[in-house]
N, C-alpha and C. Protein backbone atom coordinates (compact mmCIF):
# COMPACT_ATOMS: atom_id res chain seq x y z
N MET A 1 -18.91 19.38 4.27
CA MET A 1 -18.45 19.47 5.34
C MET A 1 -18.80 19.80 6.70
N ARG A 2 -20.30 20.28 6.74
CA ARG A 2 -20.87 20.58 7.76
C ARG A 2 -21.12 19.16 8.72
N ARG A 3 -20.69 17.98 8.35
CA ARG A 3 -20.92 16.63 8.52
C ARG A 3 -19.73 16.75 9.96
N HIS A 4 -19.00 17.02 9.65
CA HIS A 4 -17.49 17.03 10.40
C HIS A 4 -18.02 17.38 11.63
N ILE A 5 -19.02 18.58 12.07
CA ILE A 5 -19.24 19.34 12.92
C ILE A 5 -20.24 18.14 14.37
N VAL A 6 -20.66 17.33 13.72
CA VAL A 6 -21.31 16.48 14.02
C VAL A 6 -20.59 15.28 15.23
N MET A 7 -19.60 15.20 14.38
CA MET A 7 -18.75 14.02 15.04
C MET A 7 -17.88 14.75 16.12
N LEU A 8 -17.88 16.15 16.46
CA LEU A 8 -16.84 16.24 17.64
C LEU A 8 -17.73 15.55 18.88
N ALA A 9 -19.32 15.16 19.09
CA ALA A 9 -19.10 14.96 20.50
C ALA A 9 -19.82 13.33 20.15
N VAL A 10 -20.42 12.77 18.79
CA VAL A 10 -21.01 11.52 18.61
C VAL A 10 -19.95 10.83 18.32
N VAL A 11 -18.69 10.58 17.93
CA VAL A 11 -17.64 9.83 17.58
C VAL A 11 -17.66 9.30 19.25
N PRO A 12 -17.03 9.99 19.99
CA PRO A 12 -16.87 9.22 20.95
C PRO A 12 -17.71 8.36 21.67
N LEU A 13 -19.67 8.72 21.48
CA LEU A 13 -19.96 8.16 21.90
C LEU A 13 -20.61 6.57 21.17
N LEU A 14 -20.22 6.82 20.21
CA LEU A 14 -20.26 5.77 19.45
C LEU A 14 -19.39 4.31 19.83
N MET A 15 -17.95 4.94 19.71
CA MET A 15 -16.86 3.90 19.96
C MET A 15 -16.95 3.43 21.45
N THR A 16 -17.60 4.00 22.44
CA THR A 16 -18.00 3.69 24.11
C THR A 16 -19.05 2.56 23.87
N ALA A 17 -20.02 2.78 22.90
CA ALA A 17 -21.38 1.93 22.65
C ALA A 17 -20.84 0.91 21.84
N ALA A 18 -19.85 0.92 21.39
CA ALA A 18 -19.47 -0.18 20.26
C ALA A 18 -18.66 -1.12 20.95
N CYS A 19 -17.91 -0.61 21.86
CA CYS A 19 -17.29 -1.69 23.01
C CYS A 19 -17.86 -2.09 24.32
N ALA A 20 -19.19 -1.77 24.48
CA ALA A 20 -19.77 -2.27 25.61
C ALA A 20 -20.00 -3.72 25.88
N SER A 21 -20.16 -3.87 26.97
CA SER A 21 -20.85 -5.93 26.58
C SER A 21 -21.56 -6.25 27.62
N ALA A 22 -22.49 -7.01 28.03
CA ALA A 22 -22.92 -7.37 29.03
C ALA A 22 -22.49 -7.87 29.89
N ASP A 23 -22.63 -7.96 31.39
CA ASP A 23 -21.89 -8.69 31.95
C ASP A 23 -22.69 -8.96 33.00
N ASP A 24 -23.56 -10.64 33.20
CA ASP A 24 -24.39 -10.76 33.97
C ASP A 24 -23.86 -11.86 35.33
N GLY A 25 -22.64 -11.91 35.22
CA GLY A 25 -21.50 -12.41 36.40
C GLY A 25 -21.28 -13.86 35.97
N LYS A 26 -21.56 -14.53 34.71
CA LYS A 26 -21.90 -15.74 33.88
C LYS A 26 -20.53 -15.95 33.14
N PRO A 27 -19.68 -17.39 33.56
CA PRO A 27 -18.78 -17.06 32.34
C PRO A 27 -19.03 -17.27 31.11
N GLU A 28 -18.04 -16.67 30.17
CA GLU A 28 -18.52 -16.87 29.13
C GLU A 28 -18.20 -18.29 28.67
N SER A 29 -18.97 -18.95 27.61
CA SER A 29 -18.36 -20.39 27.19
C SER A 29 -17.14 -20.40 26.17
N GLU A 30 -16.75 -19.71 25.64
CA GLU A 30 -15.96 -19.17 24.46
C GLU A 30 -15.42 -17.81 24.81
N PRO A 31 -14.29 -17.41 24.45
CA PRO A 31 -13.83 -15.71 24.17
C PRO A 31 -14.06 -15.30 23.06
N ALA A 32 -13.99 -14.04 22.91
CA ALA A 32 -14.90 -13.57 21.45
C ALA A 32 -14.05 -13.27 20.68
N LYS A 33 -14.28 -13.60 19.14
CA LYS A 33 -13.22 -13.57 18.19
C LYS A 33 -13.50 -12.50 17.48
N SER A 34 -14.00 -11.22 17.76
CA SER A 34 -14.27 -10.04 16.65
C SER A 34 -12.67 -9.54 16.63
N LYS A 35 -12.46 -9.30 15.62
CA LYS A 35 -11.85 -8.34 15.27
C LYS A 35 -12.02 -6.67 15.42
N SER A 36 -13.19 -6.72 15.24
CA SER A 36 -13.48 -5.28 15.05
C SER A 36 -13.36 -4.82 16.33
N VAL A 37 -13.58 -5.07 17.51
CA VAL A 37 -13.44 -4.21 18.92
C VAL A 37 -12.30 -4.60 19.00
N PRO A 38 -11.83 -3.21 19.74
CA PRO A 38 -10.65 -3.11 20.16
C PRO A 38 -10.75 -3.90 21.66
N LYS A 39 -9.29 -4.38 21.82
CA LYS A 39 -8.94 -5.21 22.89
C LYS A 39 -8.73 -4.33 24.47
N LYS A 40 -8.76 -3.21 24.26
CA LYS A 40 -9.11 -2.10 25.62
C LYS A 40 -9.77 -1.30 25.26
N LYS A 41 -11.00 -1.05 26.43
CA LYS A 41 -11.98 -0.40 26.34
C LYS A 41 -11.39 1.09 25.74
N PRO A 42 -11.95 2.00 25.08
CA PRO A 42 -11.59 3.51 24.98
C PRO A 42 -11.91 4.13 26.66
N LYS A 43 -11.44 5.25 26.68
CA LYS A 43 -11.78 5.76 27.88
C LYS A 43 -12.87 6.63 28.10
N PRO A 44 -14.01 6.52 29.29
CA PRO A 44 -15.41 7.03 29.10
C PRO A 44 -15.43 8.37 28.35
N ASN A 45 -16.77 9.07 27.74
CA ASN A 45 -16.45 10.11 27.37
C ASN A 45 -16.85 11.51 28.48
N PRO A 46 -16.21 11.86 28.91
CA PRO A 46 -16.05 13.08 29.75
C PRO A 46 -17.90 13.61 29.80
N ALA A 47 -18.37 13.59 28.52
CA ALA A 47 -19.70 14.48 28.17
C ALA A 47 -20.21 13.86 28.83
N ASP A 48 -20.16 12.60 28.95
CA ASP A 48 -21.50 11.53 29.57
C ASP A 48 -21.78 11.83 31.30
N GLU A 49 -20.91 12.20 31.83
CA GLU A 49 -20.66 12.34 32.99
C GLU A 49 -21.49 13.87 33.59
N GLY A 50 -21.92 14.54 32.74
CA GLY A 50 -22.61 15.59 33.27
C GLY A 50 -21.80 16.58 32.81
N PRO A 51 -22.13 18.28 33.21
CA PRO A 51 -21.61 18.89 32.84
C PRO A 51 -20.22 19.28 33.18
N LEU A 52 -19.17 19.37 32.01
CA LEU A 52 -17.52 19.80 32.55
C LEU A 52 -17.40 21.17 32.62
N PRO A 53 -16.28 21.05 33.63
CA PRO A 53 -15.52 22.37 34.01
C PRO A 53 -15.36 22.89 32.90
N LEU A 54 -15.60 24.77 33.24
CA LEU A 54 -15.68 25.26 31.90
C LEU A 54 -13.68 25.28 31.62
N GLY A 55 -13.26 25.05 30.73
CA GLY A 55 -11.81 25.01 30.23
C GLY A 55 -11.44 23.48 30.16
N LYS A 56 -12.25 22.77 30.17
CA LYS A 56 -12.35 20.94 30.50
C LYS A 56 -12.37 20.66 28.91
N VAL A 57 -11.57 20.29 28.34
CA VAL A 57 -11.24 19.76 27.00
C VAL A 57 -11.51 18.84 26.96
N LEU A 58 -12.93 18.59 25.20
CA LEU A 58 -13.05 17.48 24.78
C LEU A 58 -12.48 17.25 24.09
N ARG A 59 -12.18 15.87 24.09
CA ARG A 59 -11.22 15.26 22.57
C ARG A 59 -12.09 14.39 22.15
N TRP A 60 -11.92 14.13 20.33
CA TRP A 60 -12.68 13.37 19.55
C TRP A 60 -11.53 12.55 18.48
N SER A 61 -11.70 11.09 18.27
CA SER A 61 -10.77 10.85 17.55
C SER A 61 -11.90 9.91 16.69
N ALA A 62 -12.11 10.44 14.89
CA ALA A 62 -12.53 10.47 14.26
C ALA A 62 -12.77 8.35 13.61
N ASP A 63 -13.25 8.17 13.10
CA ASP A 63 -13.27 6.51 12.29
C ASP A 63 -12.65 6.57 11.06
N ARG A 64 -11.71 6.10 11.34
CA ARG A 64 -10.56 6.20 9.92
C ARG A 64 -11.17 5.38 8.76
N SER A 65 -12.02 4.72 8.66
CA SER A 65 -12.78 4.05 7.91
C SER A 65 -13.30 5.51 6.50
N ASP A 66 -13.83 6.93 7.19
CA ASP A 66 -13.97 7.72 6.63
C ASP A 66 -13.37 8.53 6.00
N PRO A 67 -12.89 8.82 4.98
CA PRO A 67 -11.59 9.54 4.56
C PRO A 67 -12.19 10.90 4.97
N ALA A 68 -12.81 11.44 4.77
CA ALA A 68 -13.46 13.16 5.56
C ALA A 68 -13.37 13.33 6.72
N ALA A 69 -12.85 11.99 7.51
CA ALA A 69 -12.79 12.48 9.20
C ALA A 69 -12.00 13.34 9.76
N ALA A 70 -11.90 13.47 11.09
CA ALA A 70 -11.07 14.94 11.45
C ALA A 70 -11.16 14.33 13.10
N ASP A 71 -9.77 14.59 13.65
CA ASP A 71 -9.61 14.21 14.85
C ASP A 71 -9.20 15.86 15.67
N GLY A 72 -10.09 16.10 16.74
CA GLY A 72 -9.88 17.77 17.24
C GLY A 72 -10.06 17.44 18.67
N ALA A 73 -10.30 18.78 19.00
CA ALA A 73 -10.95 18.82 20.51
C ALA A 73 -11.59 20.35 20.44
N ILE A 74 -12.40 19.99 21.75
CA ILE A 74 -13.02 21.37 22.05
C ILE A 74 -13.45 21.50 23.12
N THR A 75 -13.58 23.12 23.58
CA THR A 75 -13.87 23.09 24.78
C THR A 75 -14.61 24.68 25.00
N ALA A 76 -15.06 24.80 26.22
CA ALA A 76 -15.44 26.35 26.53
C ALA A 76 -14.89 27.00 27.69
N LEU A 77 -13.88 28.05 27.38
CA LEU A 77 -13.08 28.15 28.26
C LEU A 77 -13.14 29.01 29.46
N THR A 78 -14.19 30.21 28.85
CA THR A 78 -14.36 31.52 29.87
C THR A 78 -15.77 31.75 29.17
N TYR A 79 -16.52 32.50 30.81
CA TYR A 79 -17.88 33.22 30.58
C TYR A 79 -17.71 34.15 31.54
N ARG A 80 -18.47 35.24 30.91
CA ARG A 80 -18.19 36.41 31.70
C ARG A 80 -19.37 37.45 31.40
N GLN A 81 -20.29 37.81 32.69
CA GLN A 81 -21.74 38.78 32.42
C GLN A 81 -21.87 39.58 33.82
N PRO A 82 -21.84 40.50 33.66
CA PRO A 82 -22.36 41.28 32.27
C PRO A 82 -20.91 41.66 31.63
N VAL A 83 -20.93 42.03 30.27
CA VAL A 83 -19.65 42.80 29.35
C VAL A 83 -20.15 43.87 29.32
N PRO A 84 -19.74 44.74 30.10
CA PRO A 84 -20.22 46.08 30.28
C PRO A 84 -19.78 46.87 28.59
N GLY A 85 -20.33 48.35 28.64
CA GLY A 85 -19.93 49.24 27.55
C GLY A 85 -20.55 48.66 25.98
N ILE A 86 -20.93 47.67 26.13
CA ILE A 86 -22.08 47.25 24.85
C ILE A 86 -23.36 47.84 24.27
N TYR A 87 -23.79 48.17 23.51
CA TYR A 87 -25.08 48.38 23.61
C TYR A 87 -25.55 47.78 22.58
N GLY A 88 -26.68 47.70 22.24
CA GLY A 88 -27.47 46.78 21.53
C GLY A 88 -28.28 45.78 21.80
N ALA A 89 -28.00 45.15 22.90
CA ALA A 89 -29.39 44.59 23.97
C ALA A 89 -30.46 45.31 24.02
N ASP A 90 -31.49 44.11 23.72
CA ASP A 90 -32.77 45.56 24.15
C ASP A 90 -32.95 45.28 25.54
N SER A 91 -33.85 46.20 25.66
CA SER A 91 -34.32 46.92 27.76
C SER A 91 -34.22 45.59 28.30
N GLY A 92 -33.80 45.48 29.43
CA GLY A 92 -34.18 44.48 30.27
C GLY A 92 -33.06 43.40 29.99
N GLU A 93 -31.96 43.57 28.94
CA GLU A 93 -30.91 42.26 29.02
C GLU A 93 -29.57 42.80 28.76
N GLU A 94 -28.67 42.10 29.12
CA GLU A 94 -27.23 42.20 29.32
C GLU A 94 -26.38 41.22 28.49
N TRP A 95 -25.28 41.57 28.33
CA TRP A 95 -24.50 40.97 27.35
C TRP A 95 -23.64 40.00 27.76
N ALA A 96 -23.56 38.96 27.63
CA ALA A 96 -22.78 37.49 28.27
C ALA A 96 -21.88 37.08 27.10
N ARG A 97 -20.58 36.85 27.34
CA ARG A 97 -19.46 36.37 26.74
C ARG A 97 -19.00 34.87 27.29
N LEU A 98 -18.94 34.17 25.99
CA LEU A 98 -18.78 32.48 26.02
C LEU A 98 -17.47 32.74 25.42
N GLU A 99 -16.25 32.35 25.56
CA GLU A 99 -14.86 32.05 25.11
C GLU A 99 -14.74 30.51 24.40
N VAL A 100 -14.55 30.48 23.16
CA VAL A 100 -14.48 29.09 22.98
C VAL A 100 -13.39 28.63 21.99
N LYS A 101 -13.06 27.53 22.04
CA LYS A 101 -11.98 27.20 21.20
C LYS A 101 -12.27 25.79 20.25
N VAL A 102 -12.00 25.73 19.23
CA VAL A 102 -11.86 24.38 18.51
C VAL A 102 -10.62 23.87 17.92
N CYS A 103 -10.04 22.58 18.08
CA CYS A 103 -8.59 22.44 17.48
C CYS A 103 -8.99 21.56 16.62
N ILE A 104 -7.99 21.04 15.40
CA ILE A 104 -8.23 20.48 14.70
C ILE A 104 -6.73 19.67 14.42
N LYS A 105 -6.66 18.06 14.81
CA LYS A 105 -5.17 17.70 15.15
C LYS A 105 -4.86 17.15 13.75
N ALA A 106 -5.65 15.97 12.96
CA ALA A 106 -5.71 15.58 11.92
C ALA A 106 -6.67 15.18 11.21
N GLY A 107 -6.49 14.89 9.92
CA GLY A 107 -7.63 14.88 9.24
C GLY A 107 -8.06 15.70 8.04
N ASP A 108 -9.68 15.67 8.05
CA ASP A 108 -9.90 17.14 6.91
C ASP A 108 -10.32 18.02 7.56
N ASP A 109 -10.38 19.21 6.79
CA ASP A 109 -10.54 20.47 7.37
C ASP A 109 -12.22 20.07 8.02
N VAL A 110 -12.74 21.38 9.40
CA VAL A 110 -13.85 21.45 9.58
C VAL A 110 -14.40 22.80 9.67
N ARG A 111 -15.31 22.83 9.59
CA ARG A 111 -16.46 24.16 9.57
C ARG A 111 -16.95 24.37 11.04
N VAL A 112 -16.45 25.25 11.47
CA VAL A 112 -17.26 25.94 12.48
C VAL A 112 -17.69 27.28 12.88
N SER A 113 -18.67 27.38 13.39
CA SER A 113 -19.44 28.03 13.64
C SER A 113 -20.18 28.95 15.01
N GLN A 114 -20.99 29.84 15.30
CA GLN A 114 -21.23 30.51 16.54
C GLN A 114 -22.70 29.28 17.01
N PHE A 115 -23.50 29.24 15.92
CA PHE A 115 -24.37 28.64 15.55
C PHE A 115 -25.13 27.44 16.74
N PRO A 116 -24.38 26.18 16.46
CA PRO A 116 -24.62 25.07 17.50
C PRO A 116 -24.24 25.61 18.96
N TRP A 117 -23.83 26.70 19.29
CA TRP A 117 -23.79 26.82 20.83
C TRP A 117 -25.01 27.80 21.29
N PHE A 118 -24.99 27.43 22.79
CA PHE A 118 -26.39 28.32 23.15
C PHE A 118 -25.83 28.27 24.79
N LEU A 119 -26.71 28.83 25.46
CA LEU A 119 -26.64 28.68 26.82
C LEU A 119 -27.96 28.49 27.67
N ALA A 120 -27.98 27.72 28.39
CA ALA A 120 -28.86 27.19 29.22
C ALA A 120 -29.18 27.56 30.40
N PHE A 121 -30.18 27.85 30.97
CA PHE A 121 -30.60 28.34 32.37
C PHE A 121 -31.51 27.17 33.20
N ALA A 122 -31.22 27.10 34.48
CA ALA A 122 -31.91 25.84 35.40
C ALA A 122 -33.09 25.89 35.20
N ASP A 123 -33.91 26.87 34.98
CA ASP A 123 -35.75 26.52 34.67
C ASP A 123 -35.77 26.15 32.99
N GLY A 124 -34.75 25.97 32.12
CA GLY A 124 -34.97 24.80 31.02
C GLY A 124 -34.71 26.08 29.61
N SER A 125 -35.00 27.10 30.44
CA SER A 125 -34.92 28.20 29.17
C SER A 125 -33.81 28.35 28.52
N ARG A 126 -33.38 28.76 27.22
CA ARG A 126 -32.35 28.94 26.56
C ARG A 126 -32.24 30.31 25.63
N VAL A 127 -30.81 30.74 25.46
CA VAL A 127 -30.31 31.67 24.76
C VAL A 127 -29.59 31.42 23.63
N GLU A 128 -29.93 31.74 22.58
CA GLU A 128 -28.89 31.66 21.46
C GLU A 128 -28.40 32.55 20.91
N VAL A 129 -27.51 32.60 20.04
CA VAL A 129 -26.55 33.81 19.54
C VAL A 129 -27.57 34.47 18.79
N THR A 130 -27.26 35.25 18.35
CA THR A 130 -27.86 36.42 17.83
C THR A 130 -27.66 36.59 15.82
N GLY A 131 -26.26 36.32 15.59
CA GLY A 131 -25.88 36.02 14.16
C GLY A 131 -25.16 37.88 14.32
N SER A 132 -25.40 38.26 15.16
CA SER A 132 -24.68 39.72 15.45
C SER A 132 -23.12 39.60 15.49
N SER A 133 -22.03 40.26 14.90
CA SER A 133 -21.06 40.04 15.44
C SER A 133 -20.36 41.52 14.44
N GLY A 134 -19.13 42.00 15.22
CA GLY A 134 -18.76 43.37 15.09
C GLY A 134 -19.33 44.08 15.81
N GLY A 135 -18.88 45.41 15.43
CA GLY A 135 -19.65 46.89 16.34
C GLY A 135 -18.69 47.01 17.60
N ASP A 136 -18.95 46.80 18.58
CA ASP A 136 -18.50 46.77 19.88
C ASP A 136 -18.22 45.74 20.33
N PHE A 137 -18.50 44.51 20.01
CA PHE A 137 -18.28 43.35 20.65
C PHE A 137 -16.56 42.90 20.90
N PRO A 138 -16.29 42.82 21.94
CA PRO A 138 -14.68 42.51 22.10
C PRO A 138 -14.27 41.42 21.35
N ARG A 139 -12.91 41.88 21.00
CA ARG A 139 -12.22 41.03 20.27
C ARG A 139 -11.37 39.94 20.76
N PRO A 140 -10.86 38.71 20.44
CA PRO A 140 -11.54 38.18 19.19
C PRO A 140 -12.69 37.77 19.12
N GLU A 141 -13.73 37.74 18.25
CA GLU A 141 -14.83 36.85 18.14
C GLU A 141 -14.52 35.32 17.72
N PHE A 142 -15.69 34.72 18.14
CA PHE A 142 -15.20 32.96 17.38
C PHE A 142 -16.13 33.35 16.08
N PRO A 143 -15.36 32.83 14.84
CA PRO A 143 -15.91 32.87 13.54
C PRO A 143 -17.32 32.10 13.46
N MET A 144 -18.01 33.15 12.67
CA MET A 144 -19.58 32.78 12.18
C MET A 144 -19.48 31.84 11.01
N ASP A 145 -18.41 31.55 10.54
CA ASP A 145 -18.59 30.40 9.67
C ASP A 145 -17.01 30.20 8.70
N ALA A 146 -16.04 29.08 9.42
CA ALA A 146 -14.33 29.17 8.92
C ALA A 146 -14.19 27.74 8.71
N ALA A 147 -13.36 27.17 8.04
CA ALA A 147 -12.82 26.41 7.98
C ALA A 147 -11.66 25.97 9.16
N VAL A 148 -11.15 25.25 9.82
CA VAL A 148 -10.33 25.14 10.69
C VAL A 148 -9.55 23.84 9.75
N LYS A 149 -8.13 23.86 9.44
CA LYS A 149 -7.21 23.02 9.49
C LYS A 149 -6.92 21.96 10.14
N PRO A 150 -6.47 21.20 9.77
CA PRO A 150 -5.56 20.15 10.85
C PRO A 150 -3.94 20.89 11.30
N GLY A 151 -4.11 20.85 12.26
CA GLY A 151 -2.86 21.27 13.14
C GLY A 151 -3.20 22.99 13.41
N ASP A 152 -4.51 23.62 13.02
CA ASP A 152 -4.94 25.07 13.44
C ASP A 152 -6.57 24.90 14.71
N CYS A 153 -6.55 26.24 14.71
CA CYS A 153 -7.51 25.79 16.28
C CYS A 153 -8.20 27.26 15.75
N ALA A 154 -9.64 27.23 16.38
CA ALA A 154 -10.21 28.71 15.80
C ALA A 154 -10.65 28.81 17.47
N LYS A 155 -10.64 30.48 18.17
CA LYS A 155 -10.50 30.47 19.04
C LYS A 155 -11.31 31.83 19.51
N GLY A 156 -12.28 32.20 20.17
CA GLY A 156 -12.81 33.60 20.36
C GLY A 156 -14.32 33.68 20.84
N GLY A 157 -14.93 34.59 21.16
CA GLY A 157 -16.22 34.53 22.30
C GLY A 157 -17.12 34.82 21.38
N ILE A 158 -18.10 34.42 22.04
CA ILE A 158 -19.35 34.20 21.48
C ILE A 158 -20.35 35.16 22.22
N MET A 159 -21.32 36.07 21.56
CA MET A 159 -21.94 37.31 22.90
C MET A 159 -23.66 36.67 22.73
N PHE A 160 -23.79 36.68 23.56
CA PHE A 160 -25.46 36.36 24.45
C PHE A 160 -26.20 37.68 25.03
N PRO A 161 -27.45 37.87 24.30
CA PRO A 161 -28.16 38.73 25.02
C PRO A 161 -29.11 38.08 26.20
N VAL A 162 -28.30 38.50 27.68
CA VAL A 162 -29.15 37.80 28.51
C VAL A 162 -30.16 38.64 29.48
N PRO A 163 -31.28 37.86 30.00
CA PRO A 163 -31.83 38.76 30.61
C PRO A 163 -31.13 39.49 32.12
N LYS A 164 -31.36 40.38 32.71
CA LYS A 164 -30.95 41.05 33.15
C LYS A 164 -31.50 40.22 34.72
N GLY A 165 -30.62 40.28 35.42
CA GLY A 165 -30.78 39.27 37.21
C GLY A 165 -30.48 38.00 36.48
N GLN A 166 -30.45 37.35 35.89
CA GLN A 166 -30.52 36.04 35.17
C GLN A 166 -29.38 35.57 34.84
N ARG A 167 -28.43 34.56 35.51
CA ARG A 167 -27.28 33.72 35.03
C ARG A 167 -27.38 32.01 34.54
N ALA A 168 -27.28 32.11 33.03
CA ALA A 168 -27.17 31.06 32.83
C ALA A 168 -26.31 30.08 33.57
N ASP A 169 -26.59 28.34 33.65
CA ASP A 169 -26.20 27.36 34.44
C ASP A 169 -25.01 26.61 33.30
N ARG A 170 -25.32 26.64 32.56
CA ARG A 170 -24.61 25.89 31.50
C ARG A 170 -24.36 26.24 29.73
N ALA A 171 -23.02 26.06 29.46
CA ALA A 171 -22.78 26.37 28.06
C ALA A 171 -23.22 25.09 27.46
N VAL A 172 -23.83 25.19 26.11
CA VAL A 172 -23.56 23.86 25.16
C VAL A 172 -23.53 24.12 24.02
N TYR A 173 -22.74 23.09 23.13
CA TYR A 173 -22.30 22.74 22.02
C TYR A 173 -23.57 21.36 21.43
N GLU A 174 -24.34 22.21 20.45
CA GLU A 174 -25.41 20.96 20.14
C GLU A 174 -24.94 21.09 18.53
N PRO A 175 -24.49 20.22 18.09
CA PRO A 175 -24.12 20.26 16.48
C PRO A 175 -25.21 19.09 15.90
N ASP A 176 -25.89 20.15 14.48
CA ASP A 176 -26.58 19.22 13.89
C ASP A 176 -26.77 17.59 14.06
N GLY A 177 -27.61 17.01 14.43
CA GLY A 177 -27.76 15.71 14.73
C GLY A 177 -26.62 15.03 15.49
N GLY A 178 -25.87 15.68 16.61
CA GLY A 178 -25.14 15.20 17.50
C GLY A 178 -25.67 15.07 18.65
N GLU A 179 -25.09 14.66 19.45
CA GLU A 179 -25.49 14.90 20.73
C GLU A 179 -24.77 16.07 21.90
N PRO A 180 -25.35 17.17 22.41
CA PRO A 180 -24.92 17.87 23.00
C PRO A 180 -24.26 17.72 23.96
N VAL A 181 -22.71 18.53 23.87
CA VAL A 181 -21.77 18.84 25.44
C VAL A 181 -22.23 19.86 26.25
N GLU A 182 -21.81 19.74 27.25
CA GLU A 182 -22.33 20.97 28.27
C GLU A 182 -21.28 21.14 29.07
N TRP A 183 -21.14 22.35 29.15
CA TRP A 183 -19.98 22.88 30.60
C TRP A 183 -20.59 23.87 31.27
N LYS A 184 -19.85 23.60 32.79
CA LYS A 184 -21.18 24.13 33.60
C LYS A 184 -20.52 25.97 33.94
N ILE A 185 -21.27 26.98 34.12
CA ILE A 185 -21.15 27.86 34.26
C ILE A 185 -20.93 28.47 35.78
N PRO A 186 -20.14 28.57 36.47
CA PRO A 186 -20.01 28.66 37.77
C PRO A 186 -20.96 30.00 38.16
N LYS A 187 -21.22 29.73 39.31
CA LYS A 187 -21.94 30.99 40.11
C LYS A 187 -21.30 32.40 40.60
N ARG A 188 -21.41 33.28 39.75
CA ARG A 188 -20.61 34.32 39.95
C ARG A 188 -19.69 34.25 40.94
């Protein structure tokens, strides 16, 4: 089931690459007669154009030759820093909360987790999830490990310990073996 998470970012990239052709300005001697290439090129993957704005949904369609494939959508909705009133961050840190949502439209169940998500800073540093949940963290929390069935969504917050005085500039979703997708975190 874990391989379905990879498809969130990889499938649209593969579809775009499969439909690309070289254009050197010369007319072709014969029209291409391949049935495997769609007549219309798919829309470009918005993740290829740099970080998406918070709230921008990235949709994917799976390869129908894979019986365990799924279609769905993913987004980073909101970002808040600092999140006051929560204890447990180390000295010199404060909590930040990223709200995310994953929906499965059709196909097989997809397993979701907080662990493919991290925050990226302009200097190249990253902050990953702690694996902590519960306690004083605001609800709802994004699941640590849950199956999302077709027609359903998982939505909630992911908490990150961020150095005080620093603000992430991107929220990144990077599934195992997949291409990362980024959302731009606005300046305060």
